[in-house]
Amino acid sequence: MKGFPSRSLPKNSFVKVVDNSGAKEIKIIAVKGHVTTKKRMPAARVGDMVWGSITAGDVKIKGTVLNGVVVRAKKEYRRANGWHVKFESNGIILINADGTPKGTIIKGPVAREAIEFFPEIGKIAKSVV
């Protein structure tokens, strides 16, 4: 059986930003590449790129719309090797348009699935699960 993360972070959810870019919280407003049926709400999984509005943090970036990558999710998901992975909290890091992280430090662990799609994240991650 193929392992893949479940879509656990729906649109309009508030998620903690886990890097040192100046933002504290982000509201997910769209998920890149996620096409749904009519009236179904899009949701993000670990490793997905999202667009979000900064709701808390530095005054200079509050209210702006930025790109981010989901690096942690509370919802348990199954990997292809049979392991079940879940984290204590949901987490997003902010990235630039070319995929490089805005911050220089990531607080806490990062899922391996996020690093497969965005290898630049792995360079600044302290621990990869």
N, C-alpha and C. Protein backbone atom coordinates (compact mmCIF):
# COMPACT_ATOMS: atom_id res chain seq x y z
N MET A 1 0.83 -1.18 0.00
CA MET A 1 0.00 0.00 0.00
C MET A 1 0.88 1.24 0.00
N LYS A 2 0.46 2.23 -0.77
CA LYS A 2 1.22 3.46 -0.88
C LYS A 2 0.95 4.34 0.34
N GLY A 3 1.99 4.93 0.88
CA GLY A 3 1.83 5.82 2.02
C GLY A 3 1.83 7.26 1.57
N PHE A 4 0.91 8.04 2.09
CA PHE A 4 0.88 9.46 1.79
C PHE A 4 0.18 10.19 2.94
N PRO A 5 0.59 11.44 3.22
CA PRO A 5 -0.03 12.20 4.30
C PRO A 5 -1.48 12.54 3.97
N SER A 6 -2.32 12.57 5.00
CA SER A 6 -3.72 12.94 4.80
C SER A 6 -3.83 14.47 4.77
N ARG A 7 -4.83 14.95 4.09
CA ARG A 7 -5.07 16.40 3.98
C ARG A 7 -5.77 16.86 5.25
N SER A 8 -5.01 17.40 6.17
CA SER A 8 -5.53 17.67 7.51
C SER A 8 -5.67 19.16 7.85
N LEU A 9 -5.20 20.06 6.99
CA LEU A 9 -5.28 21.49 7.28
C LEU A 9 -6.16 22.18 6.24
N PRO A 10 -7.45 22.36 6.53
CA PRO A 10 -8.34 22.97 5.54
C PRO A 10 -8.11 24.46 5.39
N LYS A 11 -8.70 25.00 4.34
CA LYS A 11 -8.66 26.43 4.08
C LYS A 11 -9.27 27.16 5.27
N ASN A 12 -8.78 28.36 5.55
CA ASN A 12 -9.21 29.22 6.66
C ASN A 12 -8.74 28.74 8.03
N SER A 13 -7.84 27.78 8.10
CA SER A 13 -7.33 27.37 9.41
C SER A 13 -6.12 28.23 9.78
N PHE A 14 -5.95 28.45 11.07
CA PHE A 14 -4.85 29.24 11.60
C PHE A 14 -3.75 28.28 12.05
N VAL A 15 -2.53 28.51 11.56
CA VAL A 15 -1.41 27.61 11.83
C VAL A 15 -0.22 28.42 12.33
N LYS A 16 0.52 27.83 13.25
CA LYS A 16 1.71 28.47 13.82
C LYS A 16 2.85 28.46 12.81
N VAL A 17 3.56 29.59 12.70
CA VAL A 17 4.75 29.68 11.85
C VAL A 17 5.95 29.30 12.71
N VAL A 18 6.76 28.33 12.24
CA VAL A 18 7.81 27.76 13.08
C VAL A 18 9.22 28.15 12.64
N ASP A 19 9.35 29.28 11.95
CA ASP A 19 10.69 29.78 11.62
C ASP A 19 10.85 31.18 12.20
N ASN A 20 12.02 31.78 11.98
CA ASN A 20 12.30 33.09 12.56
C ASN A 20 12.14 34.22 11.54
N SER A 21 11.14 34.13 10.69
CA SER A 21 10.91 35.14 9.66
C SER A 21 10.19 36.37 10.18
N GLY A 22 9.67 36.34 11.40
CA GLY A 22 8.97 37.48 11.97
C GLY A 22 7.48 37.24 12.13
N ALA A 23 6.93 36.27 11.44
CA ALA A 23 5.50 35.95 11.56
C ALA A 23 5.31 34.93 12.68
N LYS A 24 4.17 35.01 13.36
CA LYS A 24 3.85 34.07 14.43
C LYS A 24 2.72 33.12 14.03
N GLU A 25 1.76 33.63 13.24
CA GLU A 25 0.60 32.82 12.87
C GLU A 25 0.17 33.19 11.46
N ILE A 26 -0.33 32.18 10.73
CA ILE A 26 -0.76 32.38 9.35
C ILE A 26 -2.13 31.74 9.16
N LYS A 27 -2.96 32.38 8.34
CA LYS A 27 -4.27 31.83 8.00
C LYS A 27 -4.19 31.32 6.57
N ILE A 28 -4.44 30.03 6.37
CA ILE A 28 -4.35 29.42 5.04
C ILE A 28 -5.51 29.93 4.19
N ILE A 29 -5.19 30.50 3.01
CA ILE A 29 -6.24 30.98 2.12
C ILE A 29 -6.31 30.19 0.82
N ALA A 30 -5.26 29.45 0.48
CA ALA A 30 -5.29 28.63 -0.74
C ALA A 30 -4.19 27.57 -0.65
N VAL A 31 -4.41 26.47 -1.37
CA VAL A 31 -3.43 25.39 -1.44
C VAL A 31 -3.03 25.22 -2.89
N LYS A 32 -1.75 25.32 -3.18
CA LYS A 32 -1.28 25.24 -4.56
C LYS A 32 -1.45 23.82 -5.11
N GLY A 33 -2.04 23.74 -6.29
CA GLY A 33 -2.17 22.46 -6.99
C GLY A 33 -3.28 21.57 -6.50
N HIS A 34 -4.10 22.04 -5.58
CA HIS A 34 -5.18 21.20 -5.06
C HIS A 34 -6.49 21.57 -5.75
N VAL A 35 -6.98 20.67 -6.59
CA VAL A 35 -8.23 20.89 -7.32
C VAL A 35 -9.29 20.00 -6.70
N THR A 36 -10.42 20.59 -6.32
CA THR A 36 -11.48 19.84 -5.67
C THR A 36 -12.73 19.84 -6.53
N THR A 37 -13.70 19.05 -6.11
CA THR A 37 -15.00 19.10 -6.76
C THR A 37 -15.73 20.36 -6.30
N LYS A 38 -16.85 20.62 -6.89
CA LYS A 38 -17.59 21.84 -6.60
C LYS A 38 -17.99 21.90 -5.12
N LYS A 39 -17.74 23.05 -4.51
CA LYS A 39 -18.08 23.36 -3.12
C LYS A 39 -17.32 22.55 -2.08
N ARG A 40 -16.29 21.81 -2.47
CA ARG A 40 -15.48 21.11 -1.48
C ARG A 40 -14.32 22.01 -1.09
N MET A 41 -14.05 22.09 0.20
CA MET A 41 -13.02 22.98 0.70
C MET A 41 -11.63 22.37 0.49
N PRO A 42 -10.69 23.11 -0.11
CA PRO A 42 -9.34 22.58 -0.27
C PRO A 42 -8.63 22.46 1.07
N ALA A 43 -7.74 21.48 1.17
CA ALA A 43 -6.99 21.26 2.40
C ALA A 43 -5.54 20.92 2.06
N ALA A 44 -4.64 21.20 2.99
CA ALA A 44 -3.21 20.98 2.77
C ALA A 44 -2.73 19.80 3.59
N ARG A 45 -1.67 19.17 3.09
CA ARG A 45 -1.01 18.08 3.81
C ARG A 45 0.46 18.45 3.99
N VAL A 46 1.20 17.60 4.66
CA VAL A 46 2.62 17.84 4.88
C VAL A 46 3.34 17.86 3.53
N GLY A 47 4.11 18.91 3.29
CA GLY A 47 4.84 19.05 2.04
C GLY A 47 4.13 19.92 1.01
N ASP A 48 2.90 20.33 1.26
CA ASP A 48 2.16 21.17 0.32
C ASP A 48 2.57 22.64 0.47
N MET A 49 2.52 23.35 -0.66
CA MET A 49 2.75 24.78 -0.66
C MET A 49 1.40 25.47 -0.51
N VAL A 50 1.33 26.43 0.39
CA VAL A 50 0.09 27.15 0.65
C VAL A 50 0.33 28.65 0.54
N TRP A 51 -0.74 29.38 0.27
CA TRP A 51 -0.73 30.83 0.36
C TRP A 51 -1.48 31.19 1.62
N GLY A 52 -0.95 32.16 2.35
CA GLY A 52 -1.60 32.51 3.60
C GLY A 52 -1.42 33.97 3.96
N SER A 53 -2.34 34.44 4.77
CA SER A 53 -2.30 35.81 5.27
C SER A 53 -1.72 35.79 6.68
N ILE A 54 -0.76 36.64 6.94
CA ILE A 54 -0.12 36.71 8.25
C ILE A 54 -1.09 37.40 9.22
N THR A 55 -1.46 36.71 10.29
CA THR A 55 -2.42 37.25 11.25
C THR A 55 -1.78 37.73 12.54
N ALA A 56 -0.59 37.27 12.85
CA ALA A 56 0.10 37.71 14.06
C ALA A 56 1.60 37.72 13.80
N GLY A 57 2.28 38.67 14.42
CA GLY A 57 3.72 38.74 14.26
C GLY A 57 4.20 40.17 14.07
N ASP A 58 5.28 40.32 13.33
CA ASP A 58 5.90 41.62 13.09
C ASP A 58 4.91 42.55 12.37
N VAL A 59 4.90 43.82 12.77
CA VAL A 59 3.95 44.79 12.22
C VAL A 59 4.20 45.00 10.72
N LYS A 60 5.43 44.88 10.27
CA LYS A 60 5.76 45.13 8.87
C LYS A 60 5.13 44.11 7.93
N ILE A 61 5.00 42.86 8.36
CA ILE A 61 4.47 41.83 7.46
C ILE A 61 3.06 41.38 7.82
N LYS A 62 2.49 41.93 8.89
CA LYS A 62 1.14 41.53 9.29
C LYS A 62 0.13 41.96 8.22
N GLY A 63 -0.73 41.03 7.80
CA GLY A 63 -1.73 41.31 6.79
C GLY A 63 -1.29 41.02 5.37
N THR A 64 -0.02 40.73 5.15
CA THR A 64 0.45 40.43 3.80
C THR A 64 0.19 38.96 3.47
N VAL A 65 0.12 38.67 2.18
CA VAL A 65 -0.09 37.30 1.71
C VAL A 65 1.25 36.74 1.26
N LEU A 66 1.66 35.62 1.86
CA LEU A 66 2.96 35.02 1.57
C LEU A 66 2.82 33.53 1.30
N ASN A 67 3.86 32.95 0.70
CA ASN A 67 3.90 31.51 0.46
C ASN A 67 4.45 30.80 1.69
N GLY A 68 4.00 29.57 1.88
CA GLY A 68 4.49 28.76 2.98
C GLY A 68 4.45 27.29 2.63
N VAL A 69 5.16 26.48 3.42
CA VAL A 69 5.16 25.03 3.25
C VAL A 69 4.79 24.40 4.58
N VAL A 70 3.88 23.43 4.54
CA VAL A 70 3.48 22.71 5.74
C VAL A 70 4.58 21.72 6.08
N VAL A 71 5.18 21.83 7.26
CA VAL A 71 6.27 20.94 7.65
C VAL A 71 5.90 19.98 8.78
N ARG A 72 4.78 20.25 9.49
CA ARG A 72 4.31 19.37 10.56
C ARG A 72 2.79 19.34 10.55
N ALA A 73 2.22 18.21 10.98
CA ALA A 73 0.77 18.11 11.11
C ALA A 73 0.44 17.20 12.28
N LYS A 74 -0.61 17.56 13.03
CA LYS A 74 -1.05 16.74 14.16
C LYS A 74 -1.67 15.43 13.70
N LYS A 75 -2.35 15.48 12.57
CA LYS A 75 -3.06 14.30 12.06
C LYS A 75 -2.06 13.21 11.68
N GLU A 76 -2.30 12.01 12.18
CA GLU A 76 -1.42 10.87 11.90
C GLU A 76 -1.56 10.45 10.44
N TYR A 77 -0.43 10.13 9.81
CA TYR A 77 -0.44 9.61 8.44
C TYR A 77 0.52 8.44 8.34
N ARG A 78 0.32 7.63 7.31
CA ARG A 78 1.09 6.40 7.13
C ARG A 78 2.13 6.60 6.04
N ARG A 79 3.35 6.12 6.32
CA ARG A 79 4.41 6.15 5.31
C ARG A 79 4.43 4.83 4.56
N ALA A 80 5.15 4.81 3.45
CA ALA A 80 5.21 3.61 2.61
C ALA A 80 5.89 2.45 3.33
N ASN A 81 6.78 2.74 4.28
CA ASN A 81 7.47 1.67 5.00
C ASN A 81 6.64 1.10 6.16
N GLY A 82 5.41 1.61 6.35
CA GLY A 82 4.53 1.10 7.38
C GLY A 82 4.49 1.91 8.66
N TRP A 83 5.35 2.89 8.80
CA TRP A 83 5.36 3.73 9.99
C TRP A 83 4.19 4.69 9.98
N HIS A 84 3.69 5.00 11.18
CA HIS A 84 2.67 6.03 11.34
C HIS A 84 3.32 7.22 12.02
N VAL A 85 3.19 8.40 11.42
CA VAL A 85 3.87 9.60 11.90
C VAL A 85 2.84 10.66 12.26
N LYS A 86 3.03 11.29 13.42
CA LYS A 86 2.24 12.47 13.78
C LYS A 86 3.09 13.35 14.68
N PHE A 87 2.77 14.63 14.72
CA PHE A 87 3.52 15.61 15.49
C PHE A 87 2.63 16.22 16.57
N GLU A 88 3.25 16.92 17.52
CA GLU A 88 2.50 17.55 18.61
C GLU A 88 1.73 18.77 18.15
N SER A 89 2.20 19.45 17.09
CA SER A 89 1.54 20.66 16.64
C SER A 89 1.64 20.78 15.12
N ASN A 90 0.78 21.62 14.55
CA ASN A 90 0.87 21.94 13.14
C ASN A 90 1.91 23.04 12.96
N GLY A 91 2.60 23.04 11.82
CA GLY A 91 3.62 24.05 11.60
C GLY A 91 3.84 24.35 10.14
N ILE A 92 4.08 25.63 9.85
CA ILE A 92 4.35 26.11 8.49
C ILE A 92 5.61 26.96 8.55
N ILE A 93 6.43 26.89 7.50
CA ILE A 93 7.53 27.84 7.36
C ILE A 93 7.27 28.67 6.11
N LEU A 94 7.72 29.91 6.13
CA LEU A 94 7.51 30.81 5.00
C LEU A 94 8.65 30.66 4.01
N ILE A 95 8.30 30.70 2.72
CA ILE A 95 9.31 30.55 1.67
C ILE A 95 9.15 31.67 0.65
N ASN A 96 10.21 31.90 -0.13
CA ASN A 96 10.17 32.84 -1.24
C ASN A 96 9.57 32.14 -2.46
N ALA A 97 9.43 32.88 -3.56
CA ALA A 97 8.84 32.32 -4.77
C ALA A 97 9.71 31.21 -5.38
N ASP A 98 11.02 31.27 -5.16
CA ASP A 98 11.91 30.25 -5.73
C ASP A 98 12.09 29.04 -4.83
N GLY A 99 11.43 29.00 -3.67
CA GLY A 99 11.48 27.84 -2.80
C GLY A 99 12.48 27.91 -1.67
N THR A 100 13.19 29.01 -1.55
CA THR A 100 14.14 29.16 -0.45
C THR A 100 13.42 29.71 0.78
N PRO A 101 13.78 29.25 1.97
CA PRO A 101 13.10 29.72 3.19
C PRO A 101 13.41 31.19 3.49
N LYS A 102 12.44 31.90 4.05
CA LYS A 102 12.65 33.30 4.45
C LYS A 102 13.47 33.39 5.73
N GLY A 103 13.26 32.45 6.64
CA GLY A 103 13.97 32.45 7.91
C GLY A 103 15.28 31.68 7.81
N THR A 104 16.05 31.73 8.90
CA THR A 104 17.33 31.01 8.94
C THR A 104 17.32 29.87 9.94
N ILE A 105 16.30 29.79 10.78
CA ILE A 105 16.19 28.74 11.80
C ILE A 105 14.78 28.19 11.78
N ILE A 106 14.66 26.86 11.88
CA ILE A 106 13.36 26.21 12.02
C ILE A 106 13.29 25.64 13.43
N LYS A 107 12.23 26.00 14.16
CA LYS A 107 12.05 25.52 15.53
C LYS A 107 11.34 24.19 15.50
N GLY A 108 11.94 23.17 16.07
CA GLY A 108 11.31 21.86 16.16
C GLY A 108 11.62 20.97 14.95
N PRO A 109 11.07 19.76 14.96
CA PRO A 109 11.35 18.81 13.87
C PRO A 109 10.59 19.14 12.59
N VAL A 110 11.08 18.58 11.49
CA VAL A 110 10.48 18.76 10.17
C VAL A 110 10.22 17.38 9.58
N ALA A 111 9.09 17.21 8.91
CA ALA A 111 8.76 15.94 8.28
C ALA A 111 9.61 15.72 7.03
N ARG A 112 9.98 14.48 6.79
CA ARG A 112 10.80 14.13 5.64
C ARG A 112 10.08 14.44 4.32
N GLU A 113 8.76 14.33 4.31
CA GLU A 113 7.99 14.57 3.09
C GLU A 113 8.13 16.01 2.60
N ALA A 114 8.26 16.96 3.51
CA ALA A 114 8.43 18.36 3.13
C ALA A 114 9.80 18.59 2.50
N ILE A 115 10.81 17.89 2.99
CA ILE A 115 12.17 18.07 2.48
C ILE A 115 12.33 17.43 1.10
N GLU A 116 11.56 16.40 0.80
CA GLU A 116 11.63 15.79 -0.53
C GLU A 116 11.22 16.77 -1.62
N PHE A 117 10.21 17.61 -1.34
CA PHE A 117 9.74 18.58 -2.33
C PHE A 117 10.52 19.89 -2.29
N PHE A 118 11.01 20.27 -1.12
CA PHE A 118 11.74 21.52 -0.94
C PHE A 118 13.06 21.23 -0.23
N PRO A 119 14.11 20.85 -0.98
CA PRO A 119 15.38 20.46 -0.35
C PRO A 119 16.08 21.59 0.41
N GLU A 120 15.78 22.83 0.08
CA GLU A 120 16.40 23.96 0.80
C GLU A 120 15.99 23.98 2.27
N ILE A 121 14.82 23.43 2.58
CA ILE A 121 14.35 23.39 3.97
C ILE A 121 15.24 22.48 4.80
N GLY A 122 15.71 21.39 4.21
CA GLY A 122 16.55 20.44 4.92
C GLY A 122 17.88 21.01 5.35
N LYS A 123 18.35 22.06 4.68
CA LYS A 123 19.63 22.65 5.02
C LYS A 123 19.59 23.44 6.32
N ILE A 124 18.41 23.97 6.68
CA ILE A 124 18.32 24.75 7.91
C ILE A 124 17.55 24.02 9.01
N ALA A 125 17.05 22.82 8.73
CA ALA A 125 16.29 22.06 9.73
C ALA A 125 17.24 21.44 10.74
N LYS A 126 16.87 21.51 12.03
CA LYS A 126 17.69 20.90 13.07
C LYS A 126 17.50 19.40 13.11
N SER A 127 16.25 18.96 13.00
CA SER A 127 15.97 17.53 13.03
C SER A 127 14.92 17.19 11.98
N VAL A 128 15.13 16.06 11.33
CA VAL A 128 14.21 15.58 10.29
C VAL A 128 13.64 14.25 10.76
N VAL A 129 12.31 14.14 10.73
CA VAL A 129 11.64 12.92 11.17
C VAL A 129 11.04 12.24 9.97
